[in-house]
Amino acid sequence: MSFGRLLPLYNRKQVSEHRTEDDLWIIVNNKVYNISNFPVSHPGGIEVLLEVAGSDATKDFYEVIQHGSRASEILKTNLIGKLIDSEHTEHDINGILESNSLSVKQKKGRCLNIALFMSTLLFVSLFTYRYYRHHFKSF
């Protein structure tokens, strides 16, 4: 894609006609991408891409998958057009990203709680074992 060229406009019906492994288009942030050449190298496999093929994958791209800057760069190279204005969807990308951040923090918090519980359990078990071993040598 060159910067001086205007991008073609597509509607959702046109995009929905491209949902096979060999002809795979998606919409992300109201832009249309032809990712037909990408499925082979996609870390999640072709199945993940076919689930969103021919549709708006914005939420999946940001919320479900949590793609990084590398994925965004790859996506840019596959940009083929824009969605017509009348079919634009407003996505709260900041809200999605913030929600993801909270979700990650909650998962880290749960892991910390589990680790704390396990270390406490280990300490109590060790203390109990040593106590009984010291006081009841016949065991």
C-alpha atoms as a PDB file:
ATOM      1  CA  MET A   1       0.000   0.000   0.000  1.00  0.00           C
ATOM      2  CA  SER A   2       1.417   3.372  -0.918  1.00  0.00           C
ATOM      3  CA  PHE A   3       0.636   6.410   1.168  1.00  0.00           C
ATOM      4  CA  GLY A   4      -0.358   8.622  -1.758  1.00  0.00           C
ATOM      5  CA  ARG A   5      -3.087   6.319  -3.045  1.00  0.00           C
ATOM      6  CA  LEU A   6      -6.736   6.391  -1.983  1.00  0.00           C
ATOM      7  CA  LEU A   7      -8.025   3.129  -0.605  1.00  0.00           C
ATOM      8  CA  PRO A   8     -11.068   1.459  -2.173  1.00  0.00           C
ATOM      9  CA  LEU A   9     -14.290   1.365  -0.156  1.00  0.00           C
ATOM     10  CA  TYR A  10     -16.088  -1.877   0.670  1.00  0.00           C
ATOM     11  CA  ASN A  11     -19.347  -2.726   2.395  1.00  0.00           C
ATOM     12  CA  ARG A  12     -19.854  -5.560   4.873  1.00  0.00           C
ATOM     13  CA  LYS A  13     -21.596  -7.734   2.283  1.00  0.00           C
ATOM     14  CA  GLN A  14     -18.579  -7.532  -0.014  1.00  0.00           C
ATOM     15  CA  VAL A  15     -16.233  -8.439   2.823  1.00  0.00           C
ATOM     16  CA  SER A  16     -18.460 -11.355   3.893  1.00  0.00           C
ATOM     17  CA  GLU A  17     -17.930 -12.982   0.481  1.00  0.00           C
ATOM     18  CA  HIS A  18     -14.251 -13.545   1.324  1.00  0.00           C
ATOM     19  CA  ARG A  19     -14.226 -16.163   4.057  1.00  0.00           C
ATOM     20  CA  THR A  20     -12.302 -19.152   2.787  1.00  0.00           C
ATOM     21  CA  GLU A  21      -8.747 -20.222   3.487  1.00  0.00           C
ATOM     22  CA  ASP A  22      -7.655 -19.064   0.024  1.00  0.00           C
ATOM     23  CA  ASP A  23      -9.684 -15.846   0.058  1.00  0.00           C
ATOM     24  CA  LEU A  24      -9.799 -14.440   3.587  1.00  0.00           C
ATOM     25  CA  TRP A  25     -10.746 -10.844   4.402  1.00  0.00           C
ATOM     26  CA  ILE A  26     -11.419  -9.278   7.784  1.00  0.00           C
ATOM     27  CA  ILE A  27     -12.415  -5.874   9.129  1.00  0.00           C
ATOM     28  CA  VAL A  28     -10.437  -4.312  11.982  1.00  0.00           C
ATOM     29  CA  ASN A  29     -11.164  -0.722  13.060  1.00  0.00           C
ATOM     30  CA  ASN A  30     -13.324  -0.156   9.968  1.00  0.00           C
ATOM     31  CA  LYS A  31     -10.445  -1.057   7.656  1.00  0.00           C
ATOM     32  CA  VAL A  32     -10.490  -4.047   5.320  1.00  0.00           C
ATOM     33  CA  TYR A  33      -7.576  -6.482   5.244  1.00  0.00           C
ATOM     34  CA  ASN A  34      -6.859  -9.360   2.883  1.00  0.00           C
ATOM     35  CA  ILE A  35      -5.031 -11.882   5.040  1.00  0.00           C
ATOM     36  CA  SER A  36      -5.233 -14.775   2.575  1.00  0.00           C
ATOM     37  CA  ASN A  37      -1.450 -15.145   2.564  1.00  0.00           C
ATOM     38  CA  PHE A  38      -1.148 -15.182   6.362  1.00  0.00           C
ATOM     39  CA  PRO A  39      -2.960 -18.319   7.672  1.00  0.00           C
ATOM     40  CA  VAL A  40       0.046 -20.617   7.241  1.00  0.00           C
ATOM     41  CA  SER A  41       2.162 -18.588   9.650  1.00  0.00           C
ATOM     42  CA  HIS A  42      -0.587 -17.524  12.088  1.00  0.00           C
ATOM     43  CA  PRO A  43       0.300 -18.807  15.589  1.00  0.00           C
ATOM     44  CA  GLY A  44      -3.332 -19.683  16.342  1.00  0.00           C
ATOM     45  CA  GLY A  45      -3.730 -21.629  13.111  1.00  0.00           C
ATOM     46  CA  ILE A  46      -6.166 -21.270  10.242  1.00  0.00           C
ATOM     47  CA  GLU A  47      -9.195 -22.234  12.372  1.00  0.00           C
ATOM     48  CA  VAL A  48      -8.931 -19.047  14.413  1.00  0.00           C
ATOM     49  CA  LEU A  49      -8.823 -16.908  11.286  1.00  0.00           C
ATOM     50  CA  LEU A  50     -11.695 -18.759   9.609  1.00  0.00           C
ATOM     51  CA  GLU A  51     -13.888 -18.019  12.646  1.00  0.00           C
ATOM     52  CA  VAL A  52     -13.667 -14.284  11.916  1.00  0.00           C
ATOM     53  CA  ALA A  53     -13.231 -14.474   8.140  1.00  0.00           C
ATOM     54  CA  GLY A  54     -15.503 -12.127   6.227  1.00  0.00           C
ATOM     55  CA  SER A  55     -16.525 -10.218   9.341  1.00  0.00           C
ATOM     56  CA  ASP A  56     -15.520  -7.506  11.791  1.00  0.00           C
ATOM     57  CA  ALA A  57     -12.644  -8.958  13.812  1.00  0.00           C
ATOM     58  CA  THR A  58     -11.856  -5.804  15.804  1.00  0.00           C
ATOM     59  CA  LYS A  59     -13.017  -7.159  19.145  1.00  0.00           C
ATOM     60  CA  ASP A  60     -11.210 -10.457  18.592  1.00  0.00           C
ATOM     61  CA  PHE A  61      -8.040  -8.682  17.509  1.00  0.00           C
ATOM     62  CA  TYR A  62      -7.884  -6.480  20.611  1.00  0.00           C
ATOM     63  CA  GLU A  63      -9.884  -8.242  23.300  1.00  0.00           C
ATOM     64  CA  VAL A  64      -9.791 -11.963  22.799  1.00  0.00           C
ATOM     65  CA  ILE A  65      -6.384 -12.399  21.243  1.00  0.00           C
ATOM     66  CA  GLN A  66      -4.517  -9.369  22.640  1.00  0.00           C
ATOM     67  CA  HIS A  67      -2.262  -8.930  19.640  1.00  0.00           C
ATOM     68  CA  GLY A  68       0.899  -6.903  19.981  1.00  0.00           C
ATOM     69  CA  SER A  69       2.672  -4.409  17.759  1.00  0.00           C
ATOM     70  CA  ARG A  70       4.135  -7.163  15.544  1.00  0.00           C
ATOM     71  CA  ALA A  71       0.637  -8.334  14.602  1.00  0.00           C
ATOM     72  CA  SER A  72      -0.426  -4.736  13.932  1.00  0.00           C
ATOM     73  CA  GLU A  73       2.523  -4.281  11.569  1.00  0.00           C
ATOM     74  CA  ILE A  74       1.667  -7.478   9.708  1.00  0.00           C
ATOM     75  CA  LEU A  75      -1.950  -6.356   9.461  1.00  0.00           C
ATOM     76  CA  LYS A  76      -0.903  -2.990   7.989  1.00  0.00           C
ATOM     77  CA  THR A  77       0.875  -4.730   5.122  1.00  0.00           C
ATOM     78  CA  ASN A  78      -2.388  -6.479   4.209  1.00  0.00           C
ATOM     79  CA  LEU A  79      -4.592  -3.364   4.173  1.00  0.00           C
ATOM     80  CA  ILE A  80      -6.685  -3.287   0.982  1.00  0.00           C
ATOM     81  CA  GLY A  81      -9.418  -0.774   1.727  1.00  0.00           C
ATOM     82  CA  LYS A  82     -11.836   0.849   4.112  1.00  0.00           C
ATOM     83  CA  LEU A  83     -15.367   0.122   5.192  1.00  0.00           C
ATOM     84  CA  ILE A  84     -17.925   2.575   3.782  1.00  0.00           C
ATOM     85  CA  ASP A  85     -18.778   5.311   6.277  1.00  0.00           C
ATOM     86  CA  SER A  86     -22.424   4.274   6.659  1.00  0.00           C
ATOM     87  CA  GLU A  87     -21.329   0.863   7.962  1.00  0.00           C
ATOM     88  CA  HIS A  88     -18.659   2.029  10.408  1.00  0.00           C
ATOM     89  CA  THR A  89     -18.786   0.618  13.914  1.00  0.00           C
ATOM     90  CA  GLU A  90     -17.430   2.550  16.858  1.00  0.00           C
ATOM     91  CA  HIS A  91     -15.186   0.360  18.954  1.00  0.00           C
ATOM     92  CA  ASP A  92     -14.009   1.427  22.376  1.00  0.00           C
ATOM     93  CA  ILE A  93     -10.445   0.188  21.865  1.00  0.00           C
ATOM     94  CA  ASN A  94      -9.205   1.900  25.023  1.00  0.00           C
ATOM     95  CA  GLY A  95     -11.982   0.239  27.000  1.00  0.00           C
ATOM     96  CA  ILE A  96     -11.130  -3.145  25.514  1.00  0.00           C
ATOM     97  CA  LEU A  97      -7.432  -2.715  26.274  1.00  0.00           C
ATOM     98  CA  GLU A  98      -8.175  -1.488  29.803  1.00  0.00           C
ATOM     99  CA  SER A  99     -10.470  -4.452  30.368  1.00  0.00           C
ATOM    100  CA  ASN A 100      -7.700  -6.787  29.185  1.00  0.00           C
ATOM    101  CA  SER A 101      -5.256  -5.109  31.550  1.00  0.00           C
ATOM    102  CA  LEU A 102      -7.615  -5.634  34.487  1.00  0.00           C
ATOM    103  CA  SER A 103      -8.150  -9.241  33.456  1.00  0.00           C
ATOM    104  CA  VAL A 104      -4.398  -9.877  33.434  1.00  0.00           C
ATOM    105  CA  LYS A 105      -4.046  -8.195  36.836  1.00  0.00           C
ATOM    106  CA  GLN A 106      -6.869 -10.342  38.226  1.00  0.00           C
ATOM    107  CA  LYS A 107      -5.182 -13.493  36.917  1.00  0.00           C
ATOM    108  CA  LYS A 108      -1.874 -12.414  38.463  1.00  0.00           C
ATOM    109  CA  GLY A 109      -3.701 -11.735  41.727  1.00  0.00           C
ATOM    110  CA  ARG A 110      -5.217 -15.221  41.689  1.00  0.00           C
ATOM    111  CA  CYS A 111      -1.809 -16.768  41.022  1.00  0.00           C
ATOM    112  CA  LEU A 112      -0.344 -14.796  43.907  1.00  0.00           C
ATOM    113  CA  ASN A 113      -3.169 -15.965  46.188  1.00  0.00           C
ATOM    114  CA  ILE A 114      -2.598 -19.584  45.179  1.00  0.00           C
ATOM    115  CA  ALA A 115       1.152 -19.257  45.741  1.00  0.00           C
ATOM    116  CA  LEU A 116       0.560 -17.673  49.146  1.00  0.00           C
ATOM    117  CA  PHE A 117      -1.889 -20.419  50.092  1.00  0.00           C
ATOM    118  CA  MET A 118       0.479 -23.180  48.943  1.00  0.00           C
ATOM    119  CA  SER A 119       3.467 -21.742  50.815  1.00  0.00           C
ATOM    120  CA  THR A 120       1.356 -21.340  53.968  1.00  0.00           C
ATOM    121  CA  LEU A 121       0.135 -24.919  53.611  1.00  0.00           C
ATOM    122  CA  LEU A 122       3.713 -26.126  53.156  1.00  0.00           C
ATOM    123  CA  PHE A 123       4.882 -24.181  56.225  1.00  0.00           C
ATOM    124  CA  VAL A 124       2.031 -25.502  58.402  1.00  0.00           C
ATOM    125  CA  SER A 125       2.631 -29.060  57.174  1.00  0.00           C
ATOM    126  CA  LEU A 126       6.351 -28.840  57.881  1.00  0.00           C
ATOM    127  CA  PHE A 127       5.723 -27.330  61.331  1.00  0.00           C
ATOM    128  CA  THR A 128       3.154 -30.023  62.163  1.00  0.00           C
ATOM    129  CA  TYR A 129       5.464 -32.784  60.980  1.00  0.00           C
ATOM    130  CA  ARG A 130       8.410 -31.496  63.040  1.00  0.00           C
ATOM    131  CA  TYR A 131       6.210 -30.906  66.096  1.00  0.00           C
ATOM    132  CA  TYR A 132       4.831 -34.438  66.081  1.00  0.00           C
ATOM    133  CA  ARG A 133       8.210 -35.937  65.261  1.00  0.00           C
ATOM    134  CA  HIS A 134       9.811 -34.109  68.202  1.00  0.00           C
ATOM    135  CA  HIS A 135       7.034 -34.777  70.743  1.00  0.00           C
ATOM    136  CA  PHE A 136       6.049 -38.254  69.663  1.00  0.00           C
ATOM    137  CA  LYS A 137       9.281 -40.006  68.762  1.00  0.00           C
ATOM    138  CA  SER A 138       7.501 -43.345  68.515  1.00  0.00           C
ATOM    139  CA  PHE A 139       5.991 -42.327  65.142  1.00  0.00           C
END
